[in-house]
Protein backbone atom coordinates (compact mmCIF):
# COMPACT_ATOMS: atom_id res chain seq x y z
CA MET A 1 -57.62 -104.74 -81.15
CA ILE A 2 -59.16 -108.14 -80.38
CA THR A 3 -57.11 -108.32 -77.19
CA SER A 4 -58.47 -104.96 -76.06
CA LEU A 5 -62.03 -106.15 -76.74
CA LEU A 6 -61.50 -109.29 -74.67
CA THR A 7 -60.09 -107.43 -71.72
CA ALA A 8 -62.74 -104.71 -71.91
CA THR A 9 -65.70 -107.05 -71.64
CA ALA A 10 -65.28 -107.98 -67.98
CA PRO A 11 -68.20 -106.21 -66.26
CA PRO A 12 -67.93 -104.87 -62.74
CA ALA A 13 -69.39 -107.02 -59.99
CA ASP A 14 -69.83 -106.91 -56.23
CA GLY A 15 -68.24 -110.31 -55.65
CA PRO A 16 -64.88 -111.79 -56.69
CA THR A 17 -63.86 -111.24 -60.31
CA LEU A 18 -61.42 -112.83 -62.72
CA ASN A 19 -58.59 -110.53 -63.70
CA LEU A 20 -57.11 -112.60 -66.50
CA ASP A 21 -54.21 -111.76 -68.78
CA PRO A 22 -55.06 -111.89 -72.49
CA TRP A 23 -52.85 -114.95 -72.97
CA VAL A 24 -55.24 -117.03 -70.82
CA TRP A 25 -58.04 -116.33 -73.32
CA TRP A 26 -55.82 -117.19 -76.28
CA VAL A 27 -54.53 -120.41 -74.70
CA THR A 28 -58.08 -121.52 -73.91
CA ILE A 29 -59.32 -120.75 -77.42
CA GLY A 30 -56.20 -122.32 -78.94
CA ILE A 31 -56.60 -125.61 -77.05
CA ALA A 32 -60.27 -125.82 -78.03
CA ALA A 33 -59.37 -125.07 -81.68
CA LEU A 34 -56.71 -127.80 -81.72
CA ILE A 35 -59.10 -130.40 -80.30
CA LEU A 36 -61.84 -129.47 -82.75
CA THR A 37 -59.42 -129.44 -85.71
CA PHE A 38 -58.15 -132.91 -84.79
CA ASP A 39 -61.73 -134.19 -84.52
CA VAL A 40 -62.73 -132.77 -87.91
CA ILE A 41 -59.67 -134.21 -89.72
CA TRP A 42 -60.03 -137.60 -88.04
CA ILE A 43 -63.77 -137.87 -88.75
CA ALA A 44 -63.42 -136.62 -92.35
CA ARG A 45 -60.73 -139.21 -93.11
CA LYS A 46 -62.77 -142.06 -91.63
CA PRO A 47 -66.53 -141.39 -91.70
CA HIS A 48 -68.31 -143.93 -89.46
CA ARG A 49 -70.89 -144.34 -86.75
CA PRO A 50 -68.91 -144.30 -83.49
CA SER A 51 -69.03 -147.33 -81.22
CA THR A 52 -70.42 -147.14 -77.69
CA ARG A 53 -66.91 -147.62 -76.30
CA GLU A 54 -65.55 -144.76 -78.42
CA LEU A 55 -68.40 -142.48 -77.35
CA THR A 56 -68.10 -143.36 -73.67
CA ILE A 57 -64.34 -142.71 -73.57
CA ALA A 58 -64.61 -139.37 -75.39
CA LEU A 59 -67.58 -138.16 -73.33
CA SER A 60 -65.88 -139.22 -70.08
CA CYS A 61 -62.82 -137.19 -71.07
CA TYR A 62 -64.90 -134.08 -71.79
CA VAL A 63 -66.99 -134.37 -68.61
CA GLY A 64 -63.90 -135.20 -66.54
CA ALA A 65 -62.05 -132.20 -67.97
CA ALA A 66 -65.04 -129.96 -67.19
CA ILE A 67 -65.15 -131.16 -63.59
CA LEU A 68 -61.38 -130.79 -63.16
CA PHE A 69 -61.53 -127.27 -64.59
CA GLY A 70 -64.09 -126.36 -61.93
CA ILE A 71 -61.87 -127.82 -59.21
CA GLY A 72 -58.92 -125.81 -60.55
CA MET A 73 -61.05 -122.67 -60.58
CA TRP A 74 -62.08 -123.31 -56.98
CA TYR A 75 -58.41 -123.69 -56.00
CA TYR A 76 -57.15 -120.58 -57.83
CA ALA A 77 -60.22 -118.28 -57.84
CA GLY A 78 -62.36 -119.39 -54.89
CA GLY A 79 -65.65 -121.18 -54.32
CA GLN A 80 -67.88 -118.34 -55.54
CA LEU A 81 -66.54 -118.33 -59.10
CA ALA A 82 -66.23 -122.12 -59.16
CA GLY A 83 -69.91 -122.35 -58.19
CA GLU A 84 -70.81 -119.92 -60.97
CA TYR A 85 -68.87 -122.06 -63.45
CA TYR A 86 -70.54 -125.32 -62.39
CA ALA A 87 -74.01 -123.72 -62.42
CA GLY A 88 -73.37 -122.29 -65.90
CA TRP A 89 -71.94 -125.54 -67.24
CA LEU A 90 -74.88 -127.62 -65.96
CA THR A 91 -77.36 -125.12 -67.40
CA GLU A 92 -75.70 -125.04 -70.82
CA TYR A 93 -75.39 -128.83 -70.83
CA SER A 94 -79.06 -129.34 -70.01
CA LEU A 95 -80.13 -126.86 -72.71
CA SER A 96 -77.81 -128.63 -75.17
CA VAL A 97 -79.53 -131.96 -74.43
CA ASP A 98 -82.84 -130.37 -75.43
CA ASN A 99 -81.17 -129.19 -78.65
CA LEU A 100 -80.42 -132.80 -79.55
CA PHE A 101 -84.11 -133.41 -80.23
CA ILE A 102 -84.00 -130.88 -83.06
CA PHE A 103 -80.68 -132.26 -84.32
CA LEU A 104 -82.26 -135.70 -84.58
CA LEU A 105 -85.15 -134.23 -86.59
CA ILE A 106 -82.75 -132.37 -88.91
CA MET A 107 -80.77 -135.56 -89.60
CA ALA A 108 -83.99 -137.45 -90.32
CA LYS A 109 -85.42 -134.70 -92.54
CA PHE A 110 -82.31 -134.55 -94.73
CA GLY A 111 -81.84 -138.34 -94.67
CA VAL A 112 -78.21 -138.12 -93.53
CA PRO A 113 -76.45 -141.53 -93.73
CA GLU A 114 -75.24 -142.65 -90.31
CA ARG A 115 -71.58 -142.71 -91.33
CA TYR A 116 -71.73 -138.99 -92.22
CA GLN A 117 -73.65 -137.76 -89.18
CA GLN A 118 -70.53 -137.33 -87.03
CA PHE A 119 -68.93 -134.98 -89.54
CA ALA A 120 -72.11 -132.91 -89.97
CA LEU A 121 -72.49 -132.57 -86.20
CA MET A 122 -68.83 -131.64 -85.76
CA ILE A 123 -68.91 -128.81 -88.30
CA GLY A 124 -72.29 -127.67 -86.94
CA ILE A 125 -70.83 -127.54 -83.44
CA ILE A 126 -67.85 -125.48 -84.62
CA ILE A 127 -70.24 -122.99 -86.24
CA ALA A 128 -72.22 -122.93 -82.98
CA ILE A 129 -69.08 -122.20 -80.94
CA VAL A 130 -68.12 -119.29 -83.22
CA LEU A 131 -71.65 -117.84 -83.12
CA ARG A 132 -71.91 -118.22 -79.35
CA GLY A 133 -68.51 -116.58 -78.97
CA ILE A 134 -69.91 -113.52 -80.73
CA PHE A 135 -73.03 -113.62 -78.53
CA ILE A 136 -70.90 -113.93 -75.39
CA TRP A 137 -68.91 -110.82 -76.31
CA LEU A 138 -72.05 -108.88 -77.22
CA GLY A 139 -73.76 -109.96 -73.99
CA ALA A 140 -70.79 -108.91 -71.87
CA ALA A 141 -70.55 -105.56 -73.66
CA ALA A 142 -74.28 -104.95 -73.15
CA ILE A 143 -74.09 -105.79 -69.43
CA ASN A 144 -71.02 -103.62 -69.02
CA ASN A 145 -72.68 -100.56 -70.59
CA PHE A 146 -76.39 -101.02 -69.88
CA SER A 147 -77.34 -102.37 -66.44
CA TRP A 148 -81.03 -102.44 -67.45
CA VAL A 149 -80.23 -105.29 -69.88
CA PHE A 150 -80.78 -107.69 -66.94
CA TYR A 151 -84.49 -106.81 -67.04
CA LEU A 152 -84.53 -107.61 -70.76
CA PHE A 153 -82.71 -110.91 -70.26
CA GLY A 154 -85.00 -111.86 -67.38
CA ALA A 155 -88.18 -111.05 -69.32
CA PHE A 156 -86.95 -113.02 -72.32
CA LEU A 157 -86.10 -116.08 -70.23
CA ILE A 158 -89.50 -116.06 -68.52
CA TYR A 159 -91.20 -115.72 -71.92
CA THR A 160 -89.10 -118.63 -73.25
CA ALA A 161 -89.95 -120.70 -70.18
CA ILE A 162 -93.70 -120.18 -70.70
CA LYS A 163 -93.39 -121.02 -74.39
CA LEU A 164 -91.31 -124.13 -73.65
CA ALA A 165 -93.75 -125.37 -71.01
CA THR A 166 -96.77 -124.98 -73.30
CA GLU A 167 -95.19 -126.52 -76.41
CA GLY A 168 -95.50 -130.08 -75.13
CA GLU A 169 -93.39 -133.02 -76.23
CA HIS A 170 -91.24 -133.04 -79.34
CA ASP A 171 -92.57 -134.78 -82.43
CA ASP A 172 -91.56 -135.27 -86.03
CA GLU A 173 -93.19 -132.01 -87.09
CA ASP A 174 -91.26 -129.79 -84.66
CA TYR A 175 -88.53 -128.86 -87.13
CA GLU A 176 -89.38 -126.54 -89.97
CA GLN A 177 -86.69 -124.92 -92.07
CA ASN A 178 -86.27 -121.22 -91.35
CA LYS A 179 -86.68 -118.61 -94.08
CA PHE A 180 -82.92 -118.22 -94.41
CA MET A 181 -82.49 -121.93 -95.17
CA VAL A 182 -85.37 -121.90 -97.69
CA ALA A 183 -83.89 -118.85 -99.47
CA ILE A 184 -80.43 -120.44 -99.69
CA GLN A 185 -81.81 -123.69 -101.08
CA LYS A 186 -83.77 -121.81 -103.76
CA ARG A 187 -80.84 -119.68 -104.91
CA LEU A 188 -77.86 -122.02 -104.61
CA PRO A 189 -77.23 -124.62 -107.35
CA ALA A 190 -77.24 -128.01 -105.66
CA THR A 191 -77.24 -131.76 -106.12
CA ASP A 192 -79.30 -134.34 -104.23
CA ILE A 193 -76.50 -136.91 -104.33
CA TRP A 194 -74.21 -137.36 -101.32
CA HIS A 195 -70.48 -137.07 -102.02
CA GLY A 196 -69.01 -138.23 -98.74
CA THR A 197 -68.21 -135.33 -96.42
CA LYS A 198 -67.78 -132.86 -99.28
CA MET A 199 -69.96 -129.76 -99.07
CA PHE A 200 -69.35 -128.63 -102.66
CA ILE A 201 -68.51 -130.43 -105.89
CA ARG A 202 -67.79 -129.32 -109.46
CA GLN A 203 -69.97 -130.97 -112.09
CA ASN A 204 -70.07 -130.04 -115.79
CA GLY A 205 -68.15 -126.88 -114.99
CA LYS A 206 -70.67 -125.78 -112.33
CA ARG A 207 -70.06 -125.57 -108.60
CA LEU A 208 -72.85 -127.41 -106.76
CA ALA A 209 -73.72 -127.62 -103.08
CA THR A 210 -74.20 -131.13 -101.70
CA PRO A 211 -76.81 -132.20 -99.12
CA MET A 212 -73.99 -132.09 -96.50
CA PHE A 213 -73.73 -128.30 -96.94
CA PHE A 214 -77.43 -127.79 -96.22
CA VAL A 215 -77.40 -130.11 -93.21
CA ILE A 216 -74.46 -128.24 -91.66
CA LEU A 217 -76.12 -124.91 -92.41
CA ALA A 218 -79.34 -126.12 -90.77
CA LEU A 219 -77.47 -127.29 -87.66
CA GLY A 220 -75.52 -124.03 -87.37
CA THR A 221 -78.46 -121.67 -87.88
CA THR A 222 -80.65 -123.72 -85.54
CA ASP A 223 -78.06 -123.45 -82.76
CA LEU A 224 -77.97 -119.70 -83.32
CA LEU A 225 -81.63 -119.63 -82.27
CA PHE A 226 -80.85 -121.79 -79.23
CA ALA A 227 -78.14 -119.32 -78.19
CA LEU A 228 -80.80 -116.64 -77.82
CA ASP A 229 -81.93 -118.24 -74.56
CA SER A 230 -78.78 -120.09 -73.43
CA ILE A 231 -76.49 -117.02 -73.36
CA PRO A 232 -78.90 -114.83 -71.32
CA ALA A 233 -79.46 -117.85 -69.04
CA ILE A 234 -75.80 -118.27 -68.17
CA TYR A 235 -75.32 -114.51 -67.76
CA GLY A 236 -78.01 -114.84 -65.10
CA LEU A 237 -75.59 -117.05 -63.17
CA THR A 238 -72.26 -115.32 -63.75
CA ARG A 239 -71.03 -111.96 -65.03
CA GLU A 240 -67.63 -113.32 -66.06
CA PRO A 241 -67.33 -113.68 -69.86
CA TYR A 242 -64.47 -116.17 -69.46
CA ILE A 243 -66.65 -118.49 -67.37
CA VAL A 244 -69.45 -118.15 -69.93
CA LEU A 245 -67.02 -119.06 -72.72
CA VAL A 246 -65.52 -122.12 -71.00
CA ALA A 247 -68.91 -123.43 -69.83
CA ASN A 248 -70.20 -123.22 -73.41
CA LEU A 249 -67.08 -124.88 -74.80
CA PHE A 250 -67.38 -127.86 -72.47
CA ALA A 251 -71.13 -128.17 -73.10
CA LEU A 252 -70.83 -128.03 -76.91
CA MET A 253 -67.66 -130.09 -77.34
CA GLY A 254 -69.33 -133.14 -75.77
CA LEU A 255 -72.56 -132.69 -77.71
CA ARG A 256 -71.57 -134.98 -80.58
CA GLN A 257 -71.04 -137.91 -78.23
CA LEU A 258 -74.31 -137.23 -76.44
CA TYR A 259 -76.16 -137.28 -79.76
CA PHE A 260 -75.19 -140.89 -80.46
CA LEU A 261 -74.99 -142.14 -76.88
CA LEU A 262 -78.31 -140.78 -75.65
CA GLY A 263 -80.37 -141.10 -78.84
CA GLY A 264 -82.71 -143.67 -77.30
CA LEU A 265 -82.71 -142.10 -73.84
CA LEU A 266 -83.82 -138.73 -75.22
CA GLN A 267 -87.21 -140.19 -76.10
CA ARG A 268 -87.64 -141.18 -72.45
CA LEU A 269 -87.02 -137.67 -71.06
CA VAL A 270 -90.69 -136.75 -71.48
CA TYR A 271 -90.59 -134.00 -68.84
CA LEU A 272 -87.41 -132.36 -70.12
CA SER A 273 -89.23 -129.38 -71.63
CA ILE A 274 -91.07 -128.74 -68.37
CA GLY A 275 -87.88 -129.08 -66.35
CA LEU A 276 -86.00 -126.67 -68.60
CA ALA A 277 -88.95 -124.26 -68.46
CA VAL A 278 -88.74 -124.24 -64.66
CA LEU A 279 -84.98 -123.78 -64.87
CA LEU A 280 -85.21 -120.82 -67.26
CA ALA A 281 -88.02 -119.24 -65.23
CA PHE A 282 -85.91 -119.54 -62.06
CA ILE A 283 -82.93 -117.85 -63.75
CA GLY A 284 -85.26 -115.19 -65.19
CA VAL A 285 -86.56 -114.33 -61.72
CA LYS A 286 -82.97 -114.34 -60.43
CA LEU A 287 -82.03 -111.83 -63.14
CA PHE A 288 -84.92 -109.52 -62.18
CA LEU A 289 -83.94 -109.64 -58.51
CA HIS A 290 -80.31 -109.06 -59.39
CA ALA A 291 -81.24 -106.05 -61.54
CA LEU A 292 -83.34 -104.56 -58.73
CA HIS A 293 -80.51 -105.23 -56.29
CA GLU A 294 -77.87 -103.63 -58.56
CA ASN A 295 -79.91 -100.63 -59.67
CA GLU A 296 -81.27 -99.86 -56.20
CA VAL A 297 -84.82 -99.36 -57.40
CA PRO A 298 -86.60 -97.56 -54.55
CA PHE A 299 -89.07 -99.71 -52.69
CA ILE A 300 -90.54 -97.59 -49.94
CA ASN A 301 -91.66 -99.04 -46.64
CA GLY A 302 -92.40 -96.38 -44.07
CA GLY A 303 -90.12 -93.95 -45.86
CA GLU A 304 -87.13 -96.31 -45.88
CA PRO A 305 -85.84 -98.15 -49.00
CA VAL A 306 -86.21 -101.93 -48.80
CA SER A 307 -83.20 -104.04 -49.71
CA VAL A 308 -83.97 -106.40 -52.61
CA PRO A 309 -82.47 -109.88 -52.07
CA ASP A 310 -79.94 -111.25 -54.53
CA ILE A 311 -80.02 -115.07 -54.86
CA PRO A 312 -76.53 -116.42 -54.01
CA ILE A 313 -74.79 -118.80 -56.41
CA SER A 314 -74.92 -121.64 -53.85
CA VAL A 315 -78.73 -121.51 -53.91
CA SER A 316 -78.74 -121.26 -57.71
CA LEU A 317 -76.45 -124.29 -58.09
CA GLY A 318 -78.55 -126.32 -55.66
CA ALA A 319 -81.75 -125.34 -57.48
CA ILE A 320 -80.31 -126.32 -60.87
CA VAL A 321 -79.18 -129.74 -59.62
CA LEU A 322 -82.56 -130.31 -57.94
CA ILE A 323 -84.60 -129.27 -61.02
CA LEU A 324 -82.55 -131.42 -63.39
CA GLY A 325 -82.53 -134.38 -61.00
CA VAL A 326 -86.29 -134.32 -60.42
CA THR A 327 -86.92 -133.89 -64.16
CA THR A 328 -84.77 -136.90 -65.07
CA ILE A 329 -86.14 -139.20 -62.34
CA ALA A 330 -89.78 -138.24 -63.00
CA SER A 331 -89.31 -138.77 -66.77
CA LEU A 332 -87.75 -142.21 -66.36
CA LEU A 333 -90.42 -143.30 -63.85
CA LYS A 334 -93.20 -142.21 -66.20
CA THR A 335 -91.76 -143.97 -69.25
CA ARG A 336 -91.21 -147.13 -67.19
CA ARG A 337 -94.78 -146.99 -65.88
CA ASP A 338 -96.14 -146.42 -69.39
CA ALA A 339 -94.09 -149.34 -70.71
CA ARG A 340 -95.48 -151.64 -68.02
CA ARG A 341 -99.04 -150.49 -68.73
CA GLU A 342 -98.56 -151.09 -72.45
CA SER A 343 -97.09 -154.52 -71.75
CA ARG A 344 -100.09 -155.50 -69.60
CA MET A 345 -102.45 -154.31 -72.35
CA HIS A 346 -100.69 -156.49 -74.91
CA ILE A 347 -100.90 -159.48 -72.56
CA GLY A 348 -104.62 -158.82 -72.12
CA ASP A 349 -105.11 -158.62 -75.89
CA ASP A 350 -103.28 -161.90 -76.43
CA ARG A 351 -105.63 -163.63 -74.04
C-alpha cells in the first residue's frame, strides 16, 4: 500500500518528470535511516561537544554529497530537474539556518548540558524528517488533486514573508512553549534531574520523563511549525516529491553540525530574517504566476486571452543565490561596521 502511495504522488507537469521505480524511494530512505541510526548510536554511547574538526569533516561530507547528488541528477535527468533540486536544497538549507536561532533558545531555556546537546538535536532532527515526510506526501497529494492549492501556498508564503520581515531580530524572548508542550509537562510525571541521554527513568516504581524528553519534544514540535512554510516553499520550485524529499534530507541531516559550527556566526546574520522574507515572497509570487499559468485564468486584452508568464527554474535558482548572497554579505558588513563603531566608542571613553 505504501508503495502505491509513493508512486501515486507524482503530479503531472509540463516539463520533464521523474518516473522512478519504488525501489529508488526505498533505497534513498534506507540509506538516510542507516546514517541517522549510526549517528544516534554513536552519539548516545559517547555524549560530547563535537570538535571543530569533527564538525567540519561531517558537514563537508553532507554538503559534498548534496552537490554530487545534483550533478548525478543533471547527468541522468537533465538540467531542468537538477536546477529544481539545487534551488530546493538551497531554500531548505537557508530556512534551516533560521531555525537554528530557535534551537539555540530551546537549549538555553531547558539548560541542556553541552555534552547532551548533540543527542537532543539528533533525535529532534529524526522527528523533523518523519514529520516533513508526511507533509511532503500530503503536499504532493494536494497538488495532484487540487490545482488551486498553489494559490493557497502562494498566499501563505507571502503572509509568512510579511510576518518574518516585521518581526525584527531574534532575542531571548522569541521562544515560548506551545500549548501542546505546556499540556504535556503538566500531565506527565517528570524529574528535573538529567540522566544522561535517557528520556525516561523508573524511580520508586514510577516511570518519569527526564528533561531530555521535553527538549526533544520541543525541538520536534517546533520544526513541525517550520515545515508549514518550508514545504510550500519548495513545492513552489519543483513538483517532484522525490526532489522535495532528498532536498529536505540533505538540509536536515547537516543541521546538527551547523548548530555547533555556526553558533557564533548566527548572531552576525542580522539581516537573515529580511533575506528569508524576500525569498519566501519571491517564491509566493512564483506560485501565483504558476497557478495562473496552469489554470489558464482568462485575462482579456482586446478579446484575446493573455498568456501568464511562468518563472523558469534558472531564474529562480539565480534569484535564490543572489538573495542569500546579498543577505549574508550585508549582514557581515553591518556587524563589522557596528563592531568598529563600538570599538571607537570604547577608545573614546578610555581617554
